[in-house]
PDB file of N, CA and C in Angstrom:
ATOM      1  N   MET A   1       5.617   1.167 -12.095  1.00  0.00           N
ATOM      2  CA  MET A   1       5.008   1.734 -10.919  1.00  0.00           C
ATOM      3  C   MET A   1       5.316   0.868  -9.662  1.00  0.00           C
ATOM      4  N   SER A   2       5.792   1.565  -8.685  1.00  0.00           N
ATOM      5  CA  SER A   2       6.112   0.810  -7.487  1.00  0.00           C
ATOM      6  C   SER A   2       4.814   0.712  -6.545  1.00  0.00           C
ATOM      7  N   GLN A   3       4.739  -0.388  -5.935  1.00  0.00           N
ATOM      8  CA  GLN A   3       3.608  -0.608  -4.995  1.00  0.00           C
ATOM      9  C   GLN A   3       4.025  -0.294  -3.556  1.00  0.00           C
ATOM     10  N   VAL A   4       4.223   0.984  -3.274  1.00  0.00           N
ATOM     11  CA  VAL A   4       4.773   1.353  -1.944  1.00  0.00           C
ATOM     12  C   VAL A   4       3.896   2.518  -1.458  1.00  0.00           C
ATOM     13  N   CYS A   5       3.400   2.421  -0.190  1.00  0.00           N
ATOM     14  CA  CYS A   5       2.701   3.581   0.411  1.00  0.00           C
ATOM     15  C   CYS A   5       3.697   4.730   0.619  1.00  0.00           C
ATOM     16  N   GLU A   6       3.259   5.939   0.224  1.00  0.00           N
ATOM     17  CA  GLU A   6       4.184   7.103   0.304  1.00  0.00           C
ATOM     18  C   GLU A   6       4.190   7.657   1.688  1.00  0.00           C
ATOM     19  N   ILE A   7       3.328   7.193   2.618  1.00  0.00           N
ATOM     20  CA  ILE A   7       3.329   7.744   4.000  1.00  0.00           C
ATOM     21  C   ILE A   7       4.095   6.778   4.956  1.00  0.00           C
ATOM     22  N   CYS A   8       3.659   5.531   4.970  1.00  0.00           N
ATOM     23  CA  CYS A   8       4.252   4.603   5.965  1.00  0.00           C
ATOM     24  C   CYS A   8       5.313   3.665   5.375  1.00  0.00           C
ATOM     25  N   GLY A   9       5.391   3.563   4.026  1.00  0.00           N
ATOM     26  CA  GLY A   9       6.402   2.799   3.405  1.00  0.00           C
ATOM     27  C   GLY A   9       6.030   1.299   3.251  1.00  0.00           C
ATOM     28  N   LYS A  10       4.752   0.977   3.474  1.00  0.00           N
ATOM     29  CA  LYS A  10       4.302  -0.448   3.320  1.00  0.00           C
ATOM     30  C   LYS A  10       4.476  -0.861   1.868  1.00  0.00           C
ATOM     31  N   LYS A  11       5.042  -2.070   1.741  1.00  0.00           N
ATOM     32  CA  LYS A  11       5.257  -2.575   0.363  1.00  0.00           C
ATOM     33  C   LYS A  11       4.882  -4.088   0.252  1.00  0.00           C
ATOM     34  N   SER A  12       5.100  -4.682  -0.889  1.00  0.00           N
ATOM     35  CA  SER A  12       4.692  -6.041  -1.063  1.00  0.00           C
ATOM     36  C   SER A  12       5.588  -6.951  -0.284  1.00  0.00           C
ATOM     37  N   ILE A  13       5.022  -8.136   0.080  1.00  0.00           N
ATOM     38  CA  ILE A  13       5.796  -9.157   0.781  1.00  0.00           C
ATOM     39  C   ILE A  13       5.709 -10.450  -0.001  1.00  0.00           C
ATOM     40  N   LYS A  14       6.679 -11.341   0.317  1.00  0.00           N
ATOM     41  CA  LYS A  14       6.647 -12.695  -0.282  1.00  0.00           C
ATOM     42  C   LYS A  14       5.813 -13.565   0.589  1.00  0.00           C
ATOM     43  N   ALA A  15       5.001 -14.379  -0.012  1.00  0.00           N
ATOM     44  CA  ALA A  15       4.158 -15.386   0.758  1.00  0.00           C
ATOM     45  C   ALA A  15       4.175 -16.693  -0.038  1.00  0.00           C
ATOM     46  N   ALA A  16       3.738 -17.722   0.610  1.00  0.00           N
ATOM     47  CA  ALA A  16       3.730 -19.113   0.035  1.00  0.00           C
ATOM     48  C   ALA A  16       2.251 -19.546  -0.058  1.00  0.00           C
ATOM     49  N   LYS A  17       1.932 -20.002  -1.252  1.00  0.00           N
ATOM     50  CA  LYS A  17       0.631 -20.716  -1.427  1.00  0.00           C
ATOM     51  C   LYS A  17       0.995 -22.180  -1.134  1.00  0.00           C
ATOM     52  N   ILE A  18       0.185 -22.780  -0.281  1.00  0.00           N
ATOM     53  CA  ILE A  18       0.425 -24.232   0.032  1.00  0.00           C
ATOM     54  C   ILE A  18      -0.732 -25.023  -0.501  1.00  0.00           C
ATOM     55  N   SER A  19      -0.411 -25.947  -1.364  1.00  0.00           N
ATOM     56  CA  SER A  19      -1.404 -26.800  -1.901  1.00  0.00           C
ATOM     57  C   SER A  19      -1.813 -27.925  -1.020  1.00  0.00           C
ATOM     58  N   PHE A  20      -2.711 -28.749  -1.354  1.00  0.00           N
ATOM     59  CA  PHE A  20      -3.198 -29.905  -0.584  1.00  0.00           C
ATOM     60  C   PHE A  20      -1.964 -30.876  -0.356  1.00  0.00           C
ATOM     61  N   SER A  21      -1.100 -30.961  -1.333  1.00  0.00           N
ATOM     62  CA  SER A  21       0.021 -31.896  -1.208  1.00  0.00           C
ATOM     63  C   SER A  21       1.237 -31.197  -0.551  1.00  0.00           C
ATOM     64  N   HIS A  22       1.045 -29.948  -0.063  1.00  0.00           N
ATOM     65  CA  HIS A  22       2.057 -29.173   0.647  1.00  0.00           C
ATOM     66  C   HIS A  22       3.194 -28.749  -0.302  1.00  0.00           C
ATOM     67  N   LYS A  23       2.938 -28.634  -1.580  1.00  0.00           N
ATOM     68  CA  LYS A  23       3.882 -27.975  -2.474  1.00  0.00           C
ATOM     69  C   LYS A  23       3.727 -26.371  -2.221  1.00  0.00           C
ATOM     70  N   GLN A  24       4.891 -25.749  -2.152  1.00  0.00           N
ATOM     71  CA  GLN A  24       4.789 -24.265  -1.905  1.00  0.00           C
ATOM     72  C   GLN A  24       5.156 -23.492  -3.184  1.00  0.00           C
ATOM     73  N   ASN A  25       4.308 -22.650  -3.541  1.00  0.00           N
ATOM     74  CA  ASN A  25       4.519 -21.703  -4.621  1.00  0.00           C
ATOM     75  C   ASN A  25       4.608 -20.339  -4.069  1.00  0.00           C
ATOM     76  N   THR A  26       5.734 -19.631  -4.331  1.00  0.00           N
ATOM     77  CA  THR A  26       5.826 -18.268  -3.773  1.00  0.00           C
ATOM     78  C   THR A  26       5.134 -17.274  -4.706  1.00  0.00           C
ATOM     79  N   HIS A  27       4.461 -16.238  -4.095  1.00  0.00           N
ATOM     80  CA  HIS A  27       3.892 -15.132  -4.831  1.00  0.00           C
ATOM     81  C   HIS A  27       3.944 -13.909  -3.956  1.00  0.00           C
ATOM     82  N   ARG A  28       3.548 -12.743  -4.562  1.00  0.00           N
ATOM     83  CA  ARG A  28       3.659 -11.498  -3.836  1.00  0.00           C
ATOM     84  C   ARG A  28       2.226 -11.105  -3.385  1.00  0.00           C
ATOM     85  N   GLN A  29       2.198 -10.577  -2.173  1.00  0.00           N
ATOM     86  CA  GLN A  29       0.963 -10.017  -1.618  1.00  0.00           C
ATOM     87  C   GLN A  29       1.156  -8.525  -1.610  1.00  0.00           C
ATOM     88  N   LEU A  30       0.312  -7.859  -2.349  1.00  0.00           N
ATOM     89  CA  LEU A  30       0.374  -6.384  -2.573  1.00  0.00           C
ATOM     90  C   LEU A  30      -0.406  -5.655  -1.518  1.00  0.00           C
ATOM     91  N   PRO A  31       0.009  -4.498  -1.082  1.00  0.00           N
ATOM     92  CA  PRO A  31      -0.822  -3.711  -0.099  1.00  0.00           C
ATOM     93  C   PRO A  31      -1.952  -3.059  -0.915  1.00  0.00           C
ATOM     94  N   ASN A  32      -3.035  -2.765  -0.135  1.00  0.00           N
ATOM     95  CA  ASN A  32      -4.206  -2.145  -0.735  1.00  0.00           C
ATOM     96  C   ASN A  32      -3.940  -0.613  -0.836  1.00  0.00           C
ATOM     97  N   LEU A  33      -3.466  -0.188  -1.994  1.00  0.00           N
ATOM     98  CA  LEU A  33      -3.108   1.229  -2.145  1.00  0.00           C
ATOM     99  C   LEU A  33      -4.246   1.914  -2.923  1.00  0.00           C
ATOM    100  N   GLN A  34      -4.499   3.177  -2.609  1.00  0.00           N
ATOM    101  CA  GLN A  34      -5.454   4.049  -3.232  1.00  0.00           C
ATOM    102  C   GLN A  34      -4.780   5.308  -3.610  1.00  0.00           C
ATOM    103  N   THR A  35      -5.142   5.924  -4.734  1.00  0.00           N
ATOM    104  CA  THR A  35      -4.599   7.211  -5.090  1.00  0.00           C
ATOM    105  C   THR A  35      -5.534   8.252  -4.580  1.00  0.00           C
ATOM    106  N   VAL A  36      -4.992   9.188  -3.738  1.00  0.00           N
ATOM    107  CA  VAL A  36      -5.768  10.224  -3.179  1.00  0.00           C
ATOM    108  C   VAL A  36      -5.032  11.581  -3.382  1.00  0.00           C
ATOM    109  N   LYS A  37      -5.804  12.681  -3.287  1.00  0.00           N
ATOM    110  CA  LYS A  37      -5.245  13.989  -3.338  1.00  0.00           C
ATOM    111  C   LYS A  37      -5.015  14.450  -1.975  1.00  0.00           C
ATOM    112  N   ALA A  38      -3.803  14.857  -1.643  1.00  0.00           N
ATOM    113  CA  ALA A  38      -3.408  15.249  -0.253  1.00  0.00           C
ATOM    114  C   ALA A  38      -2.662  16.564  -0.345  1.00  0.00           C
ATOM    115  N   LYS A  39      -2.772  17.367   0.758  1.00  0.00           N
ATOM    116  CA  LYS A  39      -2.016  18.683   0.872  1.00  0.00           C
ATOM    117  C   LYS A  39      -0.636  18.271   1.469  1.00  0.00           C
ATOM    118  N   ILE A  40       0.446  18.537   0.755  1.00  0.00           N
ATOM    119  CA  ILE A  40       1.820  18.333   1.200  1.00  0.00           C
ATOM    120  C   ILE A  40       2.516  19.629   1.042  1.00  0.00           C
ATOM    121  N   ASN A  41       2.962  20.168   2.204  1.00  0.00           N
ATOM    122  CA  ASN A  41       3.703  21.485   2.203  1.00  0.00           C
ATOM    123  C   ASN A  41       2.884  22.581   1.541  1.00  0.00           C
ATOM    124  N   GLY A  42       1.614  22.555   1.689  1.00  0.00           N
ATOM    125  CA  GLY A  42       0.792  23.629   1.111  1.00  0.00           C
ATOM    126  C   GLY A  42       0.302  23.453  -0.268  1.00  0.00           C
ATOM    127  N   SER A  43       0.842  22.473  -0.996  1.00  0.00           N
ATOM    128  CA  SER A  43       0.434  22.172  -2.360  1.00  0.00           C
ATOM    129  C   SER A  43      -0.321  20.892  -2.362  1.00  0.00           C
ATOM    130  N   VAL A  44      -1.204  20.713  -3.396  1.00  0.00           N
ATOM    131  CA  VAL A  44      -1.997  19.522  -3.526  1.00  0.00           C
ATOM    132  C   VAL A  44      -1.301  18.586  -4.472  1.00  0.00           C
ATOM    133  N   LYS A  45      -1.099  17.348  -4.033  1.00  0.00           N
ATOM    134  CA  LYS A  45      -0.478  16.390  -4.877  1.00  0.00           C
ATOM    135  C   LYS A  45      -1.242  15.051  -4.839  1.00  0.00           C
ATOM    136  N   THR A  46      -1.122  14.271  -5.913  1.00  0.00           N
ATOM    137  CA  THR A  46      -1.810  12.990  -5.965  1.00  0.00           C
ATOM    138  C   THR A  46      -0.790  11.878  -5.510  1.00  0.00           C
ATOM    139  N   ILE A  47      -1.077  11.132  -4.444  1.00  0.00           N
ATOM    140  CA  ILE A  47      -0.100  10.166  -3.866  1.00  0.00           C
ATOM    141  C   ILE A  47      -0.795   8.869  -3.732  1.00  0.00           C
ATOM    142  N   LYS A  48      -0.010   7.807  -3.646  1.00  0.00           N
ATOM    143  CA  LYS A  48      -0.547   6.456  -3.315  1.00  0.00           C
ATOM    144  C   LYS A  48      -0.382   6.200  -1.842  1.00  0.00           C
ATOM    145  N   VAL A  49      -1.541   5.859  -1.226  1.00  0.00           N
ATOM    146  CA  VAL A  49      -1.621   5.751   0.247  1.00  0.00           C
ATOM    147  C   VAL A  49      -2.338   4.382   0.480  1.00  0.00           C
ATOM    148  N   CYS A  50      -1.821   3.614   1.483  1.00  0.00           N
ATOM    149  CA  CYS A  50      -2.482   2.383   1.912  1.00  0.00           C
ATOM    150  C   CYS A  50      -3.756   2.722   2.694  1.00  0.00           C
ATOM    151  N   THR A  51      -4.742   1.809   2.781  1.00  0.00           N
ATOM    152  CA  THR A  51      -6.002   2.025   3.345  1.00  0.00           C
ATOM    153  C   THR A  51      -5.855   2.201   4.865  1.00  0.00           C
ATOM    154  N   SER A  52      -4.880   1.593   5.499  1.00  0.00           N
ATOM    155  CA  SER A  52      -4.716   1.753   6.887  1.00  0.00           C
ATOM    156  C   SER A  52      -4.271   3.170   7.266  1.00  0.00           C
ATOM    157  N   CYS A  53      -3.485   3.830   6.381  1.00  0.00           N
ATOM    158  CA  CYS A  53      -3.160   5.275   6.627  1.00  0.00           C
ATOM    159  C   CYS A  53      -4.298   6.151   6.379  1.00  0.00           C
ATOM    160  N   ILE A  54      -5.166   5.777   5.401  1.00  0.00           N
ATOM    161  CA  ILE A  54      -6.342   6.633   5.146  1.00  0.00           C
ATOM    162  C   ILE A  54      -7.284   6.539   6.357  1.00  0.00           C
ATOM    163  N   LYS A  55      -7.496   5.341   6.910  1.00  0.00           N
ATOM    164  CA  LYS A  55      -8.420   5.175   8.080  1.00  0.00           C
ATOM    165  C   LYS A  55      -7.850   5.832   9.285  1.00  0.00           C
ATOM    166  N   ALA A  56      -6.572   5.803   9.487  1.00  0.00           N
ATOM    167  CA  ALA A  56      -5.942   6.460  10.645  1.00  0.00           C
ATOM    168  C   ALA A  56      -5.868   8.020  10.538  1.00  0.00           C
ATOM    169  N   GLY A  57      -6.068   8.512   9.279  1.00  0.00           N
ATOM    170  CA  GLY A  57      -6.029   9.952   9.060  1.00  0.00           C
ATOM    171  C   GLY A  57      -4.642  10.563   9.220  1.00  0.00           C
ATOM    172  N   LYS A  58      -3.688   9.855   8.598  1.00  0.00           N
ATOM    173  CA  LYS A  58      -2.225  10.294   8.756  1.00  0.00           C
ATOM    174  C   LYS A  58      -1.869  11.376   7.760  1.00  0.00           C
ATOM    175  N   PHE A  59      -2.773  11.895   6.919  1.00  0.00           N
ATOM    176  CA  PHE A  59      -2.511  12.954   6.046  1.00  0.00           C
ATOM    177  C   PHE A  59      -3.742  13.840   5.907  1.00  0.00           C
ATOM    178  N   GLU A  60      -3.514  15.023   5.342  1.00  0.00           N
ATOM    179  CA  GLU A  60      -4.667  16.015   5.192  1.00  0.00           C
ATOM    180  C   GLU A  60      -5.181  15.933   3.851  1.00  0.00           C
ATOM    181  N   LYS A  61      -6.510  15.596   3.685  1.00  0.00           N
ATOM    182  CA  LYS A  61      -7.114  15.497   2.392  1.00  0.00           C
ATOM    183  C   LYS A  61      -7.242  16.870   1.749  1.00  0.00           C
ATOM    184  N   ALA A  62      -7.159  16.885   0.404  1.00  0.00           N
ATOM    185  CA  ALA A  62      -7.349  18.172  -0.323  1.00  0.00           C
ATOM    186  C   ALA A  62      -8.741  18.237  -0.822  1.00  0.00           C
TER     187      ALA A  62
END
Protein backbone atom coordinates (compact mmCIF):
# COMPACT_ATOMS: atom_id res chain seq x y z
CA MET A 1 0.00 0.00 0.00
CA SER A 2 1.37 3.35 -0.96
CA GLN A 3 1.16 6.23 1.49
CA VAL A 4 0.16 8.92 -1.02
CA CYS A 5 -2.80 11.33 -0.93
CA GLU A 6 -4.89 10.74 -4.06
CA ILE A 7 -5.89 14.41 -4.35
CA CYS A 8 -2.79 16.52 -3.66
CA GLY A 9 -0.07 13.86 -4.01
CA LYS A 10 1.39 14.36 -0.53
CA LYS A 11 3.74 11.46 0.34
CA SER A 12 6.28 10.42 2.94
CA ILE A 13 9.47 12.41 3.50
CA LYS A 14 12.88 11.55 4.91
CA ALA A 15 13.74 13.11 8.24
CA ALA A 16 16.54 12.79 10.76
CA LYS A 17 16.20 11.93 14.41
CA ILE A 18 18.97 13.70 16.25
CA SER A 19 20.09 12.23 19.56
CA PHE A 20 21.69 14.07 22.46
CA SER A 21 25.13 13.20 21.05
CA HIS A 22 24.00 14.50 17.62
CA LYS A 23 24.00 11.11 15.92
CA GLN A 24 21.51 11.21 13.06
CA ASN A 25 19.17 8.32 12.31
CA THR A 26 17.02 8.70 9.21
CA HIS A 27 13.38 7.66 9.29
CA ARG A 28 10.22 8.29 7.28
CA GLN A 29 7.51 10.76 8.28
CA LEU A 30 4.19 9.57 6.90
CA PRO A 31 1.28 11.88 6.01
CA ASN A 32 -1.93 11.64 8.02
CA LEU A 33 -4.10 9.74 5.53
CA GLN A 34 -7.73 8.77 6.07
CA THR A 35 -9.89 6.52 3.90
CA VAL A 36 -13.07 8.33 2.85
CA LYS A 37 -15.89 7.74 0.40
CA ALA A 38 -15.91 10.40 -2.30
CA LYS A 39 -17.88 11.08 -5.46
CA ILE A 40 -15.54 10.92 -8.45
CA ASN A 41 -17.09 11.39 -11.92
CA GLY A 42 -20.53 10.54 -10.54
CA SER A 43 -19.51 7.25 -8.91
CA VAL A 44 -18.70 6.61 -5.26
CA LYS A 45 -15.15 5.40 -4.56
CA THR A 46 -13.09 4.82 -1.43
CA ILE A 47 -9.87 6.86 -1.60
CA LYS A 48 -7.00 7.80 0.70
CA VAL A 49 -6.98 11.53 1.44
CA CYS A 50 -4.73 13.59 3.73
CA THR A 51 -6.39 15.52 6.54
CA SER A 52 -5.41 18.90 5.08
CA CYS A 53 -7.43 18.09 1.92
CA ILE A 54 -10.38 16.94 4.05
CA LYS A 55 -10.32 20.20 6.04
CA ALA A 56 -10.01 22.31 2.87
CA GLY A 57 -12.97 20.49 1.28
CA LYS A 58 -11.12 19.60 -1.92
CA PHE A 59 -13.50 16.72 -2.74
CA GLU A 60 -17.20 15.94 -2.57
CA LYS A 61 -18.16 13.52 0.19
CA ALA A 62 -20.50 10.66 -0.64
